[in-house]
C-alpha atoms as a PDB file:
ATOM      1  CA  UNK A   1     -25.133   0.660  25.237  1.00  0.00           C
ATOM      2  CA  UNK A   2     -25.910   0.170  21.603  1.00  0.00           C
ATOM      3  CA  UNK A   3     -28.378  -2.144  20.664  1.00  0.00           C
ATOM      4  CA  UNK A   4     -27.859  -5.023  18.401  1.00  0.00           C
ATOM      5  CA  UNK A   5     -29.217  -3.294  15.443  1.00  0.00           C
ATOM      6  CA  UNK A   6     -27.694  -0.012  15.857  1.00  0.00           C
ATOM      7  CA  UNK A   7     -24.146  -1.991  16.034  1.00  0.00           C
ATOM      8  CA  UNK A   8     -25.207  -3.281  13.454  1.00  0.00           C
ATOM      9  CA  UNK A   9     -25.943  -0.067  11.061  1.00  0.00           C
ATOM     10  CA  UNK A  10     -22.761   1.408  12.152  1.00  0.00           C
ATOM     11  CA  UNK A  11     -20.369  -0.993  10.899  1.00  0.00           C
ATOM     12  CA  UNK A  12     -22.536  -2.506   7.778  1.00  0.00           C
ATOM     13  CA  UNK A  13     -21.664  -0.607   4.634  1.00  0.00           C
ATOM     14  CA  UNK A  14     -23.050  -1.822   0.732  1.00  0.00           C
ATOM     15  CA  UNK A  15     -20.696  -4.047  -0.622  1.00  0.00           C
ATOM     16  CA  UNK A  16     -21.133  -6.984  -3.488  1.00  0.00           C
ATOM     17  CA  UNK A  17     -21.375  -9.915  -2.203  1.00  0.00           C
ATOM     18  CA  UNK A  18     -18.287 -11.376  -3.666  1.00  0.00           C
ATOM     19  CA  UNK A  19     -15.762  -8.822  -1.868  1.00  0.00           C
ATOM     20  CA  UNK A  20     -16.231 -11.096   1.383  1.00  0.00           C
ATOM     21  CA  UNK A  21     -13.098 -13.426   1.934  1.00  0.00           C
ATOM     22  CA  UNK A  22     -11.191 -11.105  -0.814  1.00  0.00           C
ATOM     23  CA  UNK A  23      -8.351  -8.290  -0.221  1.00  0.00           C
ATOM     24  CA  UNK A  24      -7.381  -6.256  -2.770  1.00  0.00           C
ATOM     25  CA  UNK A  25      -3.389  -5.329  -1.961  1.00  0.00           C
ATOM     26  CA  UNK A  26      -1.610  -2.624  -2.986  1.00  0.00           C
ATOM     27  CA  UNK A  27      -0.320  -4.543  -6.474  1.00  0.00           C
ATOM     28  CA  UNK A  28      -3.323  -3.970  -8.122  1.00  0.00           C
ATOM     29  CA  UNK A  29      -4.023  -7.652  -7.196  1.00  0.00           C
ATOM     30  CA  UNK A  30      -7.212  -9.658  -4.912  1.00  0.00           C
ATOM     31  CA  UNK A  31      -6.670 -12.403  -3.354  1.00  0.00           C
ATOM     32  CA  UNK A  32      -8.201 -14.837  -0.496  1.00  0.00           C
ATOM     33  CA  UNK A  33      -8.046 -13.426   3.167  1.00  0.00           C
ATOM     34  CA  UNK A  34      -6.028 -16.462   3.819  1.00  0.00           C
ATOM     35  CA  UNK A  35      -3.486 -15.742   1.601  1.00  0.00           C
ATOM     36  CA  UNK A  36      -2.948 -12.231   4.065  1.00  0.00           C
ATOM     37  CA  UNK A  37      -0.340 -12.271   6.850  1.00  0.00           C
ATOM     38  CA  UNK A  38      -0.230  -9.449   9.263  1.00  0.00           C
ATOM     39  CA  UNK A  39       2.879  -9.712  11.212  1.00  0.00           C
ATOM     40  CA  UNK A  40       4.920  -7.414  14.226  1.00  0.00           C
ATOM     41  CA  UNK A  41       6.328  -4.218  13.338  1.00  0.00           C
ATOM     42  CA  UNK A  42      10.048  -5.531  12.924  1.00  0.00           C
ATOM     43  CA  UNK A  43       9.726  -8.824  11.291  1.00  0.00           C
ATOM     44  CA  UNK A  44      11.688 -10.049   8.535  1.00  0.00           C
ATOM     45  CA  UNK A  45      10.709 -11.453   5.691  1.00  0.00           C
ATOM     46  CA  UNK A  46      13.317 -14.620   4.916  1.00  0.00           C
ATOM     47  CA  UNK A  47      11.835 -16.286   2.026  1.00  0.00           C
ATOM     48  CA  UNK A  48       8.394 -17.268   0.680  1.00  0.00           C
ATOM     49  CA  UNK A  49       7.127 -19.110   3.059  1.00  0.00           C
ATOM     50  CA  UNK A  50       8.817 -17.623   6.669  1.00  0.00           C
ATOM     51  CA  UNK A  51       9.168 -14.828   8.642  1.00  0.00           C
ATOM     52  CA  UNK A  52      11.016 -14.057  11.339  1.00  0.00           C
ATOM     53  CA  UNK A  53       9.559 -12.033  14.339  1.00  0.00           C
ATOM     54  CA  UNK A  54      11.332  -9.599  16.245  1.00  0.00           C
ATOM     55  CA  UNK A  55      11.887 -12.077  19.346  1.00  0.00           C
ATOM     56  CA  UNK A  56      13.671 -14.586  17.172  1.00  0.00           C
ATOM     57  CA  UNK A  57      10.848 -16.969  16.571  1.00  0.00           C
ATOM     58  CA  UNK A  58      10.125 -17.844  12.905  1.00  0.00           C
ATOM     59  CA  UNK A  59       6.636 -18.486  11.259  1.00  0.00           C
ATOM     60  CA  UNK A  60       5.152 -20.147   8.461  1.00  0.00           C
ATOM     61  CA  UNK A  61       3.510 -17.758   5.740  1.00  0.00           C
ATOM     62  CA  UNK A  62       0.539 -18.594   4.072  1.00  0.00           C
ATOM     63  CA  UNK A  63       1.809 -17.301  -0.210  1.00  0.00           C
ATOM     64  CA  UNK A  64       0.934 -20.526  -1.978  1.00  0.00           C
ATOM     65  CA  UNK A  65      -2.420 -18.486  -3.122  1.00  0.00           C
ATOM     66  CA  UNK A  66      -4.082 -17.534  -6.590  1.00  0.00           C
ATOM     67  CA  UNK A  67      -5.630 -14.320  -7.295  1.00  0.00           C
ATOM     68  CA  UNK A  68      -9.171 -13.344  -8.152  1.00  0.00           C
ATOM     69  CA  UNK A  69     -10.393 -10.963 -10.643  1.00  0.00           C
ATOM     70  CA  UNK A  70     -14.316 -10.988 -10.250  1.00  0.00           C
ATOM     71  CA  UNK A  71     -14.574  -9.959  -6.760  1.00  0.00           C
ATOM     72  CA  UNK A  72     -15.279  -6.247  -7.731  1.00  0.00           C
ATOM     73  CA  UNK A  73     -16.988  -4.589 -10.379  1.00  0.00           C
ATOM     74  CA  UNK A  74     -17.091  -1.079 -10.109  1.00  0.00           C
ATOM     75  CA  UNK A  75     -15.430   1.232 -12.874  1.00  0.00           C
ATOM     76  CA  UNK A  76     -12.054   1.372 -11.022  1.00  0.00           C
ATOM     77  CA  UNK A  77     -10.159  -1.423  -9.161  1.00  0.00           C
ATOM     78  CA  UNK A  78      -6.438  -0.886  -9.335  1.00  0.00           C
ATOM     79  CA  UNK A  79      -3.581   1.562 -10.062  1.00  0.00           C
ATOM     80  CA  UNK A  80      -4.904   4.977 -11.018  1.00  0.00           C
ATOM     81  CA  UNK A  81      -1.908   6.862 -11.679  1.00  0.00           C
ATOM     82  CA  UNK A  82       1.607   7.016 -10.483  1.00  0.00           C
ATOM     83  CA  UNK A  83       5.173   8.353 -11.510  1.00  0.00           C
ATOM     84  CA  UNK A  84       8.334   5.844 -12.152  1.00  0.00           C
ATOM     85  CA  UNK A  85      11.699   5.535 -13.391  1.00  0.00           C
ATOM     86  CA  UNK A  86      13.147   2.377 -14.415  1.00  0.00           C
ATOM     87  CA  UNK A  87      16.937   2.200 -13.625  1.00  0.00           C
ATOM     88  CA  UNK A  88      18.755  -1.122 -14.532  1.00  0.00           C
ATOM     89  CA  UNK A  89      21.322  -0.660 -11.580  1.00  0.00           C
ATOM     90  CA  UNK A  90      18.473  -1.072  -9.198  1.00  0.00           C
ATOM     91  CA  UNK A  91      17.569   0.968  -6.430  1.00  0.00           C
ATOM     92  CA  UNK A  92      18.907   0.777  -2.989  1.00  0.00           C
ATOM     93  CA  UNK A  93      16.849   3.662  -1.278  1.00  0.00           C
ATOM     94  CA  UNK A  94      13.479   5.584  -1.862  1.00  0.00           C
ATOM     95  CA  UNK A  95      12.066   7.976   0.003  1.00  0.00           C
ATOM     96  CA  UNK A  96       9.576  10.711   0.243  1.00  0.00           C
ATOM     97  CA  UNK A  97       6.689  12.624   2.776  1.00  0.00           C
ATOM     98  CA  UNK A  98       3.141  13.502   2.182  1.00  0.00           C
ATOM     99  CA  UNK A  99       0.547  14.468   4.149  1.00  0.00           C
ATOM    100  CA  UNK A 100      -2.704  12.890   5.364  1.00  0.00           C
ATOM    101  CA  UNK A 101      -5.336  14.199   3.238  1.00  0.00           C
ATOM    102  CA  UNK A 102      -9.134  14.524   3.780  1.00  0.00           C
ATOM    103  CA  UNK A 103     -11.584  11.486   4.058  1.00  0.00           C
ATOM    104  CA  UNK A 104     -13.910  10.724   1.067  1.00  0.00           C
ATOM    105  CA  UNK A 105     -17.070  12.934   0.813  1.00  0.00           C
ATOM    106  CA  UNK A 106     -18.732   9.658  -0.095  1.00  0.00           C
ATOM    107  CA  UNK A 107     -17.606   7.250   2.131  1.00  0.00           C
ATOM    108  CA  UNK A 108     -19.849   4.531   0.274  1.00  0.00           C
ATOM    109  CA  UNK A 109     -16.728   1.629   0.845  1.00  0.00           C
ATOM    110  CA  UNK A 110     -14.111   2.512  -1.617  1.00  0.00           C
ATOM    111  CA  UNK A 111     -10.764   1.514  -0.590  1.00  0.00           C
ATOM    112  CA  UNK A 112      -7.787   4.158  -1.454  1.00  0.00           C
ATOM    113  CA  UNK A 113      -3.994   3.327  -1.236  1.00  0.00           C
ATOM    114  CA  UNK A 114      -1.604   6.392  -1.400  1.00  0.00           C
ATOM    115  CA  UNK A 115       1.971   4.984  -1.311  1.00  0.00           C
ATOM    116  CA  UNK A 116       5.727   4.796  -2.949  1.00  0.00           C
ATOM    117  CA  UNK A 117       6.943   1.493  -3.879  1.00  0.00           C
ATOM    118  CA  UNK A 118       9.840  -0.864  -5.510  1.00  0.00           C
ATOM    119  CA  UNK A 119       8.894  -3.581  -8.163  1.00  0.00           C
ATOM    120  CA  UNK A 120      11.114  -5.671  -9.723  1.00  0.00           C
ATOM    121  CA  UNK A 121      11.496  -5.541 -13.592  1.00  0.00           C
ATOM    122  CA  UNK A 122       8.538  -7.038 -14.898  1.00  0.00           C
ATOM    123  CA  UNK A 123       6.218  -5.486 -12.307  1.00  0.00           C
ATOM    124  CA  UNK A 124       4.483  -9.051 -12.289  1.00  0.00           C
ATOM    125  CA  UNK A 125       5.649 -10.705  -8.907  1.00  0.00           C
ATOM    126  CA  UNK A 126       7.050  -8.209  -6.165  1.00  0.00           C
ATOM    127  CA  UNK A 127       6.309  -5.529  -4.873  1.00  0.00           C
ATOM    128  CA  UNK A 128       7.834  -3.545  -1.332  1.00  0.00           C
ATOM    129  CA  UNK A 129       5.969  -0.137  -0.028  1.00  0.00           C
ATOM    130  CA  UNK A 130       4.887   1.830   2.542  1.00  0.00           C
ATOM    131  CA  UNK A 131       0.842   2.261   2.270  1.00  0.00           C
ATOM    132  CA  UNK A 132      -1.651   4.397   3.546  1.00  0.00           C
ATOM    133  CA  UNK A 133      -4.859   3.492   2.845  1.00  0.00           C
ATOM    134  CA  UNK A 134      -8.408   4.384   3.612  1.00  0.00           C
ATOM    135  CA  UNK A 135     -11.430   1.879   3.726  1.00  0.00           C
ATOM    136  CA  UNK A 136     -11.702  -1.275   4.462  1.00  0.00           C
ATOM    137  CA  UNK A 137      -9.639  -4.306   3.055  1.00  0.00           C
ATOM    138  CA  UNK A 138     -11.717  -7.272   3.917  1.00  0.00           C
ATOM    139  CA  UNK A 139     -14.878  -8.262   4.917  1.00  0.00           C
ATOM    140  CA  UNK A 140     -16.007 -11.175   7.002  1.00  0.00           C
ATOM    141  CA  UNK A 141     -19.763 -11.968   5.917  1.00  0.00           C
ATOM    142  CA  UNK A 142     -20.830  -8.188   6.160  1.00  0.00           C
ATOM    143  CA  UNK A 143     -18.652  -6.993   8.829  1.00  0.00           C
ATOM    144  CA  UNK A 144     -15.442  -5.187   8.020  1.00  0.00           C
ATOM    145  CA  UNK A 145     -12.701  -6.926   9.777  1.00  0.00           C
ATOM    146  CA  UNK A 146      -9.478  -5.264   8.665  1.00  0.00           C
ATOM    147  CA  UNK A 147      -9.525  -1.490   8.018  1.00  0.00           C
ATOM    148  CA  UNK A 148     -12.361   0.613   8.120  1.00  0.00           C
ATOM    149  CA  UNK A 149     -14.100   4.223   7.137  1.00  0.00           C
ATOM    150  CA  UNK A 150     -10.052   6.079   8.726  1.00  0.00           C
ATOM    151  CA  UNK A 151      -6.953   6.518   7.343  1.00  0.00           C
ATOM    152  CA  UNK A 152      -4.054   3.304   8.103  1.00  0.00           C
ATOM    153  CA  UNK A 153      -0.544   3.172   7.634  1.00  0.00           C
ATOM    154  CA  UNK A 154       1.273  -0.058   6.912  1.00  0.00           C
ATOM    155  CA  UNK A 155       4.538  -1.461   5.555  1.00  0.00           C
ATOM    156  CA  UNK A 156       3.854  -3.984   2.525  1.00  0.00           C
ATOM    157  CA  UNK A 157       5.503  -7.089   0.848  1.00  0.00           C
ATOM    158  CA  UNK A 158       3.719  -7.867  -1.921  1.00  0.00           C
ATOM    159  CA  UNK A 159       4.563 -10.990  -3.893  1.00  0.00           C
ATOM    160  CA  UNK A 160       2.448 -13.035  -6.381  1.00  0.00           C
ATOM    161  CA  UNK A 161      -0.461 -14.815  -4.805  1.00  0.00           C
ATOM    162  CA  UNK A 162      -0.191 -13.718  -1.104  1.00  0.00           C
ATOM    163  CA  UNK A 163       0.504 -10.667   0.923  1.00  0.00           C
ATOM    164  CA  UNK A 164       2.408  -9.846   4.592  1.00  0.00           C
ATOM    165  CA  UNK A 165       1.777  -6.378   6.395  1.00  0.00           C
ATOM    166  CA  UNK A 166       2.948  -5.085   9.204  1.00  0.00           C
ATOM    167  CA  UNK A 167       0.933  -4.045  12.392  1.00  0.00           C
ATOM    168  CA  UNK A 168      -0.891  -0.745  11.275  1.00  0.00           C
ATOM    169  CA  UNK A 169      -0.411   2.811  12.726  1.00  0.00           C
ATOM    170  CA  UNK A 170      -3.624   4.320  12.693  1.00  0.00           C
ATOM    171  CA  UNK A 171      -3.138   7.932  11.071  1.00  0.00           C
ATOM    172  CA  UNK A 172      -5.347  11.500  11.040  1.00  0.00           C
ATOM    173  CA  UNK A 173      -5.969  13.656   8.206  1.00  0.00           C
ATOM    174  CA  UNK A 174      -2.906  16.342   8.172  1.00  0.00           C
ATOM    175  CA  UNK A 175      -0.526  13.807   9.601  1.00  0.00           C
ATOM    176  CA  UNK A 176       2.665  14.555   8.111  1.00  0.00           C
ATOM    177  CA  UNK A 177       4.181  11.079   6.587  1.00  0.00           C
ATOM    178  CA  UNK A 178       7.245   9.590   5.290  1.00  0.00           C
ATOM    179  CA  UNK A 179       7.795   6.433   3.467  1.00  0.00           C
ATOM    180  CA  UNK A 180      11.087   4.685   2.845  1.00  0.00           C
ATOM    181  CA  UNK A 181      12.468   2.098   1.485  1.00  0.00           C
ATOM    182  CA  UNK A 182      16.038   1.032   1.834  1.00  0.00           C
ATOM    183  CA  UNK A 183      17.999  -1.893   1.029  1.00  0.00           C
ATOM    184  CA  UNK A 184      21.456  -2.751   3.838  1.00  0.00           C
ATOM    185  CA  UNK A 185      24.205  -5.212   2.322  1.00  0.00           C
ATOM    186  CA  UNK A 186      25.141  -8.252   4.285  1.00  0.00           C
ATOM    187  CA  UNK A 187      23.078  -9.498   7.504  1.00  0.00           C
ATOM    188  CA  UNK A 188      21.426  -7.162  10.052  1.00  0.00           C
ATOM    189  CA  UNK A 189      20.957  -9.735  13.121  1.00  0.00           C
ATOM    190  CA  UNK A 190      17.414 -10.476  11.616  1.00  0.00           C
ATOM    191  CA  UNK A 191      18.247 -13.831  10.057  1.00  0.00           C
ATOM    192  CA  UNK A 192      19.492 -11.954   6.468  1.00  0.00           C
ATOM    193  CA  UNK A 193      22.552 -13.177   5.119  1.00  0.00           C
ATOM    194  CA  UNK A 194      23.073 -11.530   1.820  1.00  0.00           C
ATOM    195  CA  UNK A 195      20.965  -8.063   2.101  1.00  0.00           C
ATOM    196  CA  UNK A 196      17.608  -6.763   2.759  1.00  0.00           C
ATOM    197  CA  UNK A 197      15.372  -4.174   2.271  1.00  0.00           C
ATOM    198  CA  UNK A 198      13.357  -2.430   4.951  1.00  0.00           C
ATOM    199  CA  UNK A 199      10.124  -0.336   4.389  1.00  0.00           C
ATOM    200  CA  UNK A 200       9.344   1.743   7.474  1.00  0.00           C
ATOM    201  CA  UNK A 201       5.989   3.724   7.525  1.00  0.00           C
ATOM    202  CA  UNK A 202       6.497   6.816  10.069  1.00  0.00           C
ATOM    203  CA  UNK A 203       4.039   9.205  10.919  1.00  0.00           C
ATOM    204  CA  UNK A 204       6.034  12.298  11.794  1.00  0.00           C
ATOM    205  CA  UNK A 205       3.021  13.934  13.394  1.00  0.00           C
ATOM    206  CA  UNK A 206       2.750  11.116  16.272  1.00  0.00           C
ATOM    207  CA  UNK A 207       6.286   9.778  16.485  1.00  0.00           C
ATOM    208  CA  UNK A 208       5.120   6.584  15.446  1.00  0.00           C
ATOM    209  CA  UNK A 209       6.458   3.827  12.690  1.00  0.00           C
ATOM    210  CA  UNK A 210       6.260   0.640  11.512  1.00  0.00           C
ATOM    211  CA  UNK A 211       8.296  -1.321   9.527  1.00  0.00           C
ATOM    212  CA  UNK A 212       8.979  -4.616   7.325  1.00  0.00           C
ATOM    213  CA  UNK A 213      12.008  -6.259   6.561  1.00  0.00           C
ATOM    214  CA  UNK A 214      12.410  -8.268   3.387  1.00  0.00           C
ATOM    215  CA  UNK A 215      15.977 -10.698   2.542  1.00  0.00           C
ATOM    216  CA  UNK A 216      16.562  -9.909  -1.202  1.00  0.00           C
ATOM    217  CA  UNK A 217      20.342  -9.848  -2.658  1.00  0.00           C
ATOM    218  CA  UNK A 218      19.147  -8.261  -5.387  1.00  0.00           C
ATOM    219  CA  UNK A 219      18.236  -4.371  -6.027  1.00  0.00           C
ATOM    220  CA  UNK A 220      14.807  -3.753  -7.437  1.00  0.00           C
ATOM    221  CA  UNK A 221      14.865  -1.664 -10.458  1.00  0.00           C
ATOM    222  CA  UNK A 222      11.232   0.021 -10.884  1.00  0.00           C
ATOM    223  CA  UNK A 223      10.548   2.856  -8.415  1.00  0.00           C
ATOM    224  CA  UNK A 224       7.288   4.678  -8.276  1.00  0.00           C
ATOM    225  CA  UNK A 225       7.717   7.849  -5.571  1.00  0.00           C
ATOM    226  CA  UNK A 226       3.955   8.391  -5.951  1.00  0.00           C
ATOM    227  CA  UNK A 227       1.195   6.359  -6.717  1.00  0.00           C
ATOM    228  CA  UNK A 228      -2.584   6.198  -6.088  1.00  0.00           C
ATOM    229  CA  UNK A 229      -4.410   2.664  -6.234  1.00  0.00           C
ATOM    230  CA  UNK A 230      -8.505   1.994  -5.435  1.00  0.00           C
ATOM    231  CA  UNK A 231     -11.199  -0.544  -5.563  1.00  0.00           C
ATOM    232  CA  UNK A 232     -14.628  -0.160  -5.512  1.00  0.00           C
ATOM    233  CA  UNK A 233     -14.279   3.578  -6.701  1.00  0.00           C
ATOM    234  CA  UNK A 234     -17.792   4.715  -8.913  1.00  0.00           C
ATOM    235  CA  UNK A 235     -17.701   8.237  -8.720  1.00  0.00           C
ATOM    236  CA  UNK A 236     -14.900  11.079  -8.082  1.00  0.00           C
ATOM    237  CA  UNK A 237     -16.378  11.852  -4.450  1.00  0.00           C
ATOM    238  CA  UNK A 238     -15.278   8.594  -2.930  1.00  0.00           C
ATOM    239  CA  UNK A 239     -11.469   9.520  -3.521  1.00  0.00           C
ATOM    240  CA  UNK A 240     -10.414  11.750  -0.552  1.00  0.00           C
ATOM    241  CA  UNK A 241     -11.678  15.254  -0.790  1.00  0.00           C
ATOM    242  CA  UNK A 242      -9.036  17.616  -2.139  1.00  0.00           C
ATOM    243  CA  UNK A 243      -7.589  18.235  -5.618  1.00  0.00           C
ATOM    244  CA  UNK A 244      -3.868  16.900  -5.550  1.00  0.00           C
ATOM    245  CA  UNK A 245      -1.909  15.314  -2.975  1.00  0.00           C
ATOM    246  CA  UNK A 246       2.291  16.152  -3.069  1.00  0.00           C
ATOM    247  CA  UNK A 247       4.671  13.178  -2.522  1.00  0.00           C
ATOM    248  CA  UNK A 248       7.677  15.697  -1.501  1.00  0.00           C
ATOM    249  CA  UNK A 249      11.403  15.062  -0.461  1.00  0.00           C
ATOM    250  CA  UNK A 250      11.905  12.623  -2.947  1.00  0.00           C
ATOM    251  CA  UNK A 251      14.865  11.080  -2.714  1.00  0.00           C
ATOM    252  CA  UNK A 252      16.418   7.759  -4.526  1.00  0.00           C
ATOM    253  CA  UNK A 253      19.622   6.172  -4.815  1.00  0.00           C
ATOM    254  CA  UNK A 254      20.742   6.150  -7.540  1.00  0.00           C
ATOM    255  CA  UNK A 255      18.793   9.783  -8.349  1.00  0.00           C
ATOM    256  CA  UNK A 256      17.047  10.599 -10.968  1.00  0.00           C
ATOM    257  CA  UNK A 257      16.279  13.577 -12.780  1.00  0.00           C
ATOM    258  CA  UNK A 258      13.119  12.794 -14.702  1.00  0.00           C
ATOM    259  CA  UNK A 259      10.510  10.496 -13.497  1.00  0.00           C
ATOM    260  CA  UNK A 260       7.674   9.259 -16.135  1.00  0.00           C
ATOM    261  CA  UNK A 261       4.040   9.254 -15.774  1.00  0.00           C
ATOM    262  CA  UNK A 262       1.276   6.846 -15.968  1.00  0.00           C
ATOM    263  CA  UNK A 263      -2.174   6.612 -15.955  1.00  0.00           C
ATOM    264  CA  UNK A 264      -4.254   3.626 -16.432  1.00  0.00           C
ATOM    265  CA  UNK A 265      -8.097   4.446 -16.110  1.00  0.00           C
ATOM    266  CA  UNK A 266     -10.130   7.039 -18.020  1.00  0.00           C
ATOM    267  CA  UNK A 267     -13.701   5.993 -16.454  1.00  0.00           C
ATOM    268  CA  UNK A 268     -14.823   7.556 -14.114  1.00  0.00           C
ATOM    269  CA  UNK A 269     -13.201  10.966 -15.590  1.00  0.00           C
ATOM    270  CA  UNK A 270     -12.357  12.466 -12.294  1.00  0.00           C
ATOM    271  CA  UNK A 271      -9.646  15.247 -14.276  1.00  0.00           C
ATOM    272  CA  UNK A 272      -6.734  12.459 -13.465  1.00  0.00           C
ATOM    273  CA  UNK A 273      -2.794  14.227 -14.144  1.00  0.00           C
ATOM    274  CA  UNK A 274       0.320  13.668 -12.338  1.00  0.00           C
ATOM    275  CA  UNK A 275       3.770  16.244 -12.130  1.00  0.00           C
ATOM    276  CA  UNK A 276       6.519  14.357 -11.871  1.00  0.00           C
ATOM    277  CA  UNK A 277       9.833  16.723 -10.880  1.00  0.00           C
ATOM    278  CA  UNK A 278      13.300  15.542  -9.621  1.00  0.00           C
ATOM    279  CA  UNK A 279      12.230  15.822  -5.915  1.00  0.00           C
ATOM    280  CA  UNK A 280       8.273  15.751  -5.848  1.00  0.00           C
ATOM    281  CA  UNK A 281       5.158  13.822  -7.503  1.00  0.00           C
ATOM    282  CA  UNK A 282       1.956  15.745  -7.324  1.00  0.00           C
ATOM    283  CA  UNK A 283      -1.210  13.330  -8.055  1.00  0.00           C
ATOM    284  CA  UNK A 284      -4.193  15.558  -9.195  1.00  0.00           C
ATOM    285  CA  UNK A 285      -8.284  14.412  -9.491  1.00  0.00           C
ATOM    286  CA  UNK A 286     -11.102  16.125  -8.663  1.00  0.00           C
ATOM    287  CA  UNK A 287     -14.417  15.218  -6.233  1.00  0.00           C
END
């Protein structure tokens, strides 16, 4: 049996004290852990304060929260690079595939997010996304209470001040993933009467999926087929131990022949670059 000392050593990582009690979400924001709701796969967000579970029960969400902007001191805390296209008619569909990359060679507590997403026009309030993550998203004192030094996959709805996440699938390097966001008109027997988005995170290698729906009657106009986001990143070897990741088989409604690119950071200098074509986005870096 492991001693208490050995057990604590295996879970302890060096992190700034300001991290405890805060969660960096895949939208570039950091909120109190009290503002994050983990719900069952197949749940539907009815409005800003209510979620309907698959069995029909309705629960209250914790969404009236303020963000913290000072919990993390390293060089990178937010979006790093992404492809994007704005379409005023809004997107009813976005899907692509990618493989889970190798874990970071330096696992001194980075938090990595890789995903495709839809956002509203201002890119300031609402984002929905199937998210592949590596690292600890939440600490309770010195203990990682959400995530860890492994890859995990879930569907997210992020609203200003609060996050809702579906149940997590643990995935492995090399697994072939699908991230899909689809809008359906009318109700779906899930409590939505004027349309809803379904956010699906699927591991095709394992044959597992986790889903989250959101009642919404207005299509979101910003699509980002491939995004790298990182927290607590101070050196390039904290990135996935590969030189690139490709989001392939890209499909959207409406379809696009050209996608823009954005790079948000310069330090650390990790060779940030993007290739964005009609059917794929490739994100580049070096370790």
